[in-house]
Amino acid sequence: MPLKLVAMLKRHPDLSYEEFVEHWRDRHGPLIRNTPGISQHIQRYEQHTRHDPGPWGGSEGIDGVAIQWFADWDAWQGFLAAPEYAELIAPDEARFLDVGSISFIICNEPTVVMA
């Protein structure tokens, strides 16, 4: 059964919003895409940046949402267990994310209410 990881992200406190977006888009995304030991587990990876910093733009302090699609539970577990995750991905996350504040959920296929 396909799974989705949905993560609410806050930037590292030492970074501006622009620095966060630049690192996420130009370094972290390509790092995931170009690391075969990681990318083999992911079917799709989406980066959603905040639309509006004002009060109607969403919960304060949330700078983006990452959505990663996995074929099944084994692919999700393989992603986490890959040596490249500990060696490359986790250290890079610590450079641009407030890692301790990440909220995430692993979701099943959606129930479509409207299409």
N, C-alpha and C. Protein backbone atom coordinates (compact mmCIF):
# COMPACT_ATOMS: atom_id res chain seq x y z
N MET A 1 0.85 -1.17 0.00
CA MET A 1 0.00 0.00 0.00
C MET A 1 0.90 1.25 0.00
N PRO A 2 0.66 2.18 -0.91
CA PRO A 2 1.47 3.41 -0.95
C PRO A 2 1.32 4.24 0.33
N LEU A 3 2.40 4.89 0.70
CA LEU A 3 2.43 5.74 1.89
C LEU A 3 2.95 7.12 1.51
N LYS A 4 2.54 8.11 2.30
CA LYS A 4 3.08 9.46 2.15
C LYS A 4 3.59 9.93 3.50
N LEU A 5 4.78 10.53 3.48
CA LEU A 5 5.30 11.23 4.64
C LEU A 5 4.97 12.70 4.44
N VAL A 6 4.28 13.30 5.39
CA VAL A 6 3.97 14.72 5.35
C VAL A 6 4.64 15.34 6.56
N ALA A 7 5.57 16.28 6.33
CA ALA A 7 6.33 16.88 7.42
C ALA A 7 6.20 18.39 7.40
N MET A 8 5.89 18.96 8.55
CA MET A 8 5.84 20.41 8.73
C MET A 8 7.23 20.85 9.20
N LEU A 9 7.83 21.79 8.48
CA LEU A 9 9.22 22.16 8.72
C LEU A 9 9.37 23.59 9.21
N LYS A 10 10.29 23.75 10.14
CA LYS A 10 10.72 25.08 10.59
C LYS A 10 12.20 25.21 10.26
N ARG A 11 12.60 26.38 9.85
CA ARG A 11 13.99 26.60 9.48
C ARG A 11 14.89 26.66 10.71
N HIS A 12 16.15 26.38 10.49
CA HIS A 12 17.17 26.52 11.55
C HIS A 12 17.14 27.97 12.01
N PRO A 13 17.21 28.22 13.32
CA PRO A 13 17.09 29.60 13.82
C PRO A 13 18.17 30.55 13.32
N ASP A 14 19.29 30.03 12.85
CA ASP A 14 20.36 30.90 12.35
C ASP A 14 20.14 31.34 10.90
N LEU A 15 19.10 30.84 10.26
CA LEU A 15 18.88 31.14 8.85
C LEU A 15 17.69 32.06 8.63
N SER A 16 17.80 32.91 7.63
CA SER A 16 16.64 33.68 7.19
C SER A 16 15.73 32.75 6.40
N TYR A 17 14.51 33.20 6.16
CA TYR A 17 13.59 32.39 5.36
C TYR A 17 14.18 32.14 3.97
N GLU A 18 14.76 33.17 3.38
CA GLU A 18 15.34 33.05 2.04
C GLU A 18 16.49 32.05 2.02
N GLU A 19 17.33 32.07 3.05
CA GLU A 19 18.45 31.11 3.13
C GLU A 19 17.92 29.68 3.29
N PHE A 20 16.86 29.53 4.10
CA PHE A 20 16.23 28.23 4.26
C PHE A 20 15.73 27.69 2.93
N VAL A 21 14.97 28.51 2.20
CA VAL A 21 14.41 28.07 0.92
C VAL A 21 15.52 27.73 -0.06
N GLU A 22 16.54 28.56 -0.13
CA GLU A 22 17.64 28.31 -1.06
C GLU A 22 18.34 26.99 -0.74
N HIS A 23 18.61 26.74 0.53
CA HIS A 23 19.29 25.50 0.89
C HIS A 23 18.40 24.29 0.60
N TRP A 24 17.15 24.37 0.99
CA TRP A 24 16.22 23.26 0.79
C TRP A 24 16.07 22.94 -0.69
N ARG A 25 15.87 23.98 -1.50
CA ARG A 25 15.65 23.80 -2.93
C ARG A 25 16.92 23.42 -3.69
N ASP A 26 18.03 24.12 -3.40
CA ASP A 26 19.24 24.00 -4.23
C ASP A 26 20.27 23.01 -3.71
N ARG A 27 20.19 22.64 -2.44
CA ARG A 27 21.17 21.69 -1.88
C ARG A 27 20.49 20.39 -1.44
N HIS A 28 19.51 20.53 -0.55
CA HIS A 28 18.91 19.33 0.04
C HIS A 28 18.12 18.51 -0.99
N GLY A 29 17.29 19.16 -1.76
CA GLY A 29 16.51 18.45 -2.78
C GLY A 29 17.40 17.68 -3.75
N PRO A 30 18.39 18.35 -4.36
CA PRO A 30 19.30 17.62 -5.24
C PRO A 30 20.11 16.53 -4.53
N LEU A 31 20.44 16.74 -3.27
CA LEU A 31 21.17 15.72 -2.52
C LEU A 31 20.33 14.44 -2.42
N ILE A 32 19.07 14.59 -2.11
CA ILE A 32 18.18 13.43 -2.04
C ILE A 32 18.03 12.79 -3.43
N ARG A 33 17.75 13.63 -4.42
CA ARG A 33 17.53 13.13 -5.78
C ARG A 33 18.76 12.40 -6.33
N ASN A 34 19.95 12.91 -6.04
CA ASN A 34 21.18 12.40 -6.65
C ASN A 34 21.94 11.38 -5.80
N THR A 35 21.34 10.93 -4.71
CA THR A 35 21.95 9.90 -3.87
C THR A 35 21.18 8.61 -4.07
N PRO A 36 21.69 7.68 -4.91
CA PRO A 36 20.93 6.48 -5.25
C PRO A 36 20.47 5.66 -4.04
N GLY A 37 21.27 5.58 -2.99
CA GLY A 37 20.88 4.81 -1.81
C GLY A 37 19.68 5.39 -1.10
N ILE A 38 19.37 6.65 -1.38
CA ILE A 38 18.20 7.32 -0.81
C ILE A 38 17.07 7.38 -1.84
N SER A 39 17.38 7.88 -3.03
CA SER A 39 16.34 8.11 -4.03
C SER A 39 15.64 6.83 -4.48
N GLN A 40 16.32 5.69 -4.36
CA GLN A 40 15.69 4.43 -4.78
C GLN A 40 14.46 4.08 -3.95
N HIS A 41 14.35 4.66 -2.76
CA HIS A 41 13.23 4.35 -1.87
C HIS A 41 12.05 5.29 -2.05
N ILE A 42 12.27 6.43 -2.71
CA ILE A 42 11.26 7.48 -2.80
C ILE A 42 10.67 7.51 -4.21
N GLN A 43 9.36 7.53 -4.29
CA GLN A 43 8.69 7.63 -5.58
C GLN A 43 8.53 9.08 -6.04
N ARG A 44 8.33 9.97 -5.07
CA ARG A 44 8.09 11.38 -5.38
C ARG A 44 8.49 12.19 -4.15
N TYR A 45 9.05 13.37 -4.39
CA TYR A 45 9.44 14.26 -3.29
C TYR A 45 8.99 15.66 -3.66
N GLU A 46 8.14 16.23 -2.83
CA GLU A 46 7.61 17.58 -3.06
C GLU A 46 8.09 18.52 -1.96
N GLN A 47 8.42 19.73 -2.35
CA GLN A 47 8.77 20.79 -1.41
C GLN A 47 7.74 21.91 -1.57
N HIS A 48 7.02 22.20 -0.50
CA HIS A 48 6.01 23.25 -0.52
C HIS A 48 6.48 24.37 0.41
N THR A 49 6.84 25.51 -0.16
CA THR A 49 7.26 26.65 0.64
C THR A 49 6.04 27.48 1.04
N ARG A 50 6.21 28.22 2.10
CA ARG A 50 5.13 29.06 2.64
C ARG A 50 4.73 30.10 1.60
N HIS A 51 3.44 30.27 1.42
CA HIS A 51 2.92 31.23 0.44
C HIS A 51 2.98 32.66 0.95
N ASP A 52 2.61 32.85 2.20
CA ASP A 52 2.47 34.20 2.75
C ASP A 52 2.91 34.17 4.21
N PRO A 53 3.85 35.05 4.60
CA PRO A 53 4.31 35.03 5.99
C PRO A 53 3.31 35.63 6.98
N GLY A 54 2.23 36.22 6.50
CA GLY A 54 1.26 36.86 7.38
C GLY A 54 0.39 35.86 8.12
N PRO A 55 -0.52 36.37 8.96
CA PRO A 55 -1.34 35.51 9.81
C PRO A 55 -2.27 34.58 9.03
N TRP A 56 -2.60 34.91 7.79
CA TRP A 56 -3.48 34.05 7.01
C TRP A 56 -2.69 33.06 6.17
N GLY A 57 -1.38 33.03 6.34
CA GLY A 57 -0.53 32.10 5.60
C GLY A 57 -0.34 30.77 6.29
N GLY A 58 -0.94 30.59 7.44
CA GLY A 58 -0.82 29.32 8.15
C GLY A 58 -0.23 29.49 9.53
N SER A 59 0.05 28.37 10.17
CA SER A 59 0.58 28.38 11.53
C SER A 59 1.92 29.10 11.58
N GLU A 60 2.08 29.94 12.56
CA GLU A 60 3.29 30.72 12.72
C GLU A 60 4.49 29.81 12.92
N GLY A 61 5.58 30.16 12.25
CA GLY A 61 6.83 29.41 12.41
C GLY A 61 6.99 28.25 11.45
N ILE A 62 5.95 27.87 10.74
CA ILE A 62 6.07 26.79 9.76
C ILE A 62 6.55 27.42 8.45
N ASP A 63 7.70 26.95 7.97
CA ASP A 63 8.30 27.54 6.77
C ASP A 63 8.06 26.71 5.52
N GLY A 64 7.69 25.46 5.69
CA GLY A 64 7.44 24.63 4.52
C GLY A 64 6.89 23.28 4.91
N VAL A 65 6.44 22.57 3.89
CA VAL A 65 5.92 21.21 4.06
C VAL A 65 6.63 20.33 3.05
N ALA A 66 7.17 19.22 3.52
CA ALA A 66 7.77 18.22 2.65
C ALA A 66 6.81 17.05 2.54
N ILE A 67 6.64 16.57 1.33
CA ILE A 67 5.82 15.37 1.10
C ILE A 67 6.66 14.39 0.30
N GLN A 68 6.84 13.22 0.87
CA GLN A 68 7.58 12.16 0.19
C GLN A 68 6.66 10.96 0.03
N TRP A 69 6.67 10.40 -1.16
CA TRP A 69 5.81 9.26 -1.49
C TRP A 69 6.67 8.00 -1.51
N PHE A 70 6.17 6.96 -0.85
CA PHE A 70 6.86 5.68 -0.78
C PHE A 70 5.91 4.59 -1.28
N ALA A 71 6.46 3.57 -1.91
CA ALA A 71 5.64 2.48 -2.45
C ALA A 71 4.93 1.72 -1.34
N ASP A 72 5.61 1.57 -0.20
CA ASP A 72 5.05 0.78 0.89
C ASP A 72 5.88 1.00 2.15
N TRP A 73 5.50 0.33 3.22
CA TRP A 73 6.20 0.46 4.51
C TRP A 73 7.67 0.07 4.40
N ASP A 74 7.96 -0.97 3.63
CA ASP A 74 9.35 -1.41 3.48
C ASP A 74 10.21 -0.34 2.82
N ALA A 75 9.66 0.38 1.86
CA ALA A 75 10.41 1.47 1.22
C ALA A 75 10.70 2.59 2.22
N TRP A 76 9.72 2.92 3.05
CA TRP A 76 9.90 3.94 4.10
C TRP A 76 11.00 3.51 5.08
N GLN A 77 10.95 2.26 5.51
CA GLN A 77 11.95 1.75 6.43
C GLN A 77 13.33 1.68 5.77
N GLY A 78 13.36 1.32 4.48
CA GLY A 78 14.62 1.28 3.74
C GLY A 78 15.25 2.65 3.62
N PHE A 79 14.44 3.67 3.43
CA PHE A 79 14.91 5.06 3.39
C PHE A 79 15.60 5.43 4.70
N LEU A 80 14.95 5.13 5.81
CA LEU A 80 15.52 5.47 7.13
C LEU A 80 16.77 4.66 7.45
N ALA A 81 16.81 3.41 7.00
CA ALA A 81 17.92 2.51 7.33
C ALA A 81 19.11 2.66 6.39
N ALA A 82 18.93 3.37 5.28
CA ALA A 82 20.03 3.53 4.32
C ALA A 82 21.21 4.22 4.99
N PRO A 83 22.42 3.70 4.83
CA PRO A 83 23.60 4.35 5.43
C PRO A 83 23.75 5.80 4.98
N GLU A 84 23.32 6.10 3.77
CA GLU A 84 23.42 7.47 3.24
C GLU A 84 22.53 8.45 4.01
N TYR A 85 21.47 7.91 4.62
CA TYR A 85 20.62 8.80 5.40
C TYR A 85 21.42 9.36 6.59
N ALA A 86 22.07 8.48 7.33
CA ALA A 86 22.85 8.91 8.50
C ALA A 86 24.09 9.70 8.10
N GLU A 87 24.70 9.33 6.98
CA GLU A 87 25.96 9.95 6.56
C GLU A 87 25.76 11.30 5.87
N LEU A 88 24.69 11.44 5.08
CA LEU A 88 24.52 12.64 4.26
C LEU A 88 23.26 13.43 4.56
N ILE A 89 22.14 12.75 4.61
CA ILE A 89 20.86 13.45 4.69
C ILE A 89 20.63 14.07 6.07
N ALA A 90 20.76 13.29 7.13
CA ALA A 90 20.53 13.82 8.49
C ALA A 90 21.46 15.00 8.81
N PRO A 91 22.77 14.91 8.50
CA PRO A 91 23.62 16.08 8.77
C PRO A 91 23.20 17.31 7.96
N ASP A 92 22.74 17.10 6.73
CA ASP A 92 22.29 18.24 5.94
C ASP A 92 21.01 18.83 6.51
N GLU A 93 20.10 17.98 6.98
CA GLU A 93 18.88 18.48 7.62
C GLU A 93 19.21 19.38 8.80
N ALA A 94 20.23 19.01 9.56
CA ALA A 94 20.63 19.81 10.73
C ALA A 94 21.18 21.18 10.34
N ARG A 95 21.62 21.33 9.10
CA ARG A 95 22.16 22.61 8.64
C ARG A 95 21.07 23.64 8.36
N PHE A 96 19.89 23.18 7.95
CA PHE A 96 18.88 24.17 7.54
C PHE A 96 17.54 24.03 8.24
N LEU A 97 17.35 22.96 9.01
CA LEU A 97 16.09 22.75 9.72
C LEU A 97 16.26 22.86 11.22
N ASP A 98 15.19 23.26 11.90
CA ASP A 98 15.10 23.13 13.35
C ASP A 98 14.59 21.70 13.58
N VAL A 99 15.52 20.75 13.58
CA VAL A 99 15.19 19.33 13.55
C VAL A 99 14.28 18.93 14.72
N GLY A 100 14.49 19.50 15.88
CA GLY A 100 13.69 19.14 17.04
C GLY A 100 12.24 19.56 16.96
N SER A 101 11.91 20.43 16.03
CA SER A 101 10.53 20.92 15.93
C SER A 101 9.75 20.28 14.77
N ILE A 102 10.36 19.37 14.05
CA ILE A 102 9.68 18.76 12.91
C ILE A 102 8.50 17.92 13.39
N SER A 103 7.35 18.17 12.80
CA SER A 103 6.16 17.34 13.02
C SER A 103 5.90 16.60 11.72
N PHE A 104 5.61 15.30 11.83
CA PHE A 104 5.31 14.55 10.61
C PHE A 104 4.28 13.47 10.89
N ILE A 105 3.72 12.99 9.80
CA ILE A 105 2.78 11.89 9.86
C ILE A 105 3.00 11.03 8.62
N ILE A 106 2.86 9.72 8.80
CA ILE A 106 2.87 8.79 7.68
C ILE A 106 1.41 8.49 7.36
N CYS A 107 1.02 8.76 6.13
CA CYS A 107 -0.39 8.66 5.74
C CYS A 107 -0.61 7.51 4.76
N ASN A 108 -1.79 6.91 4.85
CA ASN A 108 -2.27 5.96 3.86
C ASN A 108 -2.80 6.72 2.66
N GLU A 109 -3.31 6.00 1.68
CA GLU A 109 -3.97 6.62 0.54
C GLU A 109 -5.14 7.46 1.07
N PRO A 110 -5.40 8.60 0.44
CA PRO A 110 -6.47 9.47 0.96
C PRO A 110 -7.87 8.95 0.65
N THR A 111 -8.79 9.41 1.43
CA THR A 111 -10.20 9.29 1.11
C THR A 111 -10.55 10.58 0.37
N VAL A 112 -10.93 10.48 -0.88
CA VAL A 112 -11.22 11.66 -1.68
C VAL A 112 -12.65 12.09 -1.39
N VAL A 113 -12.77 13.30 -0.87
CA VAL A 113 -14.08 13.84 -0.51
C VAL A 113 -14.63 14.66 -1.68
N MET A 114 -13.77 15.39 -2.36
CA MET A 114 -14.15 16.18 -3.55
C MET A 114 -13.03 16.03 -4.57
N ALA A 115 -13.40 16.01 -5.82
CA ALA A 115 -12.38 15.94 -6.88
C ALA A 115 -12.77 16.85 -8.02
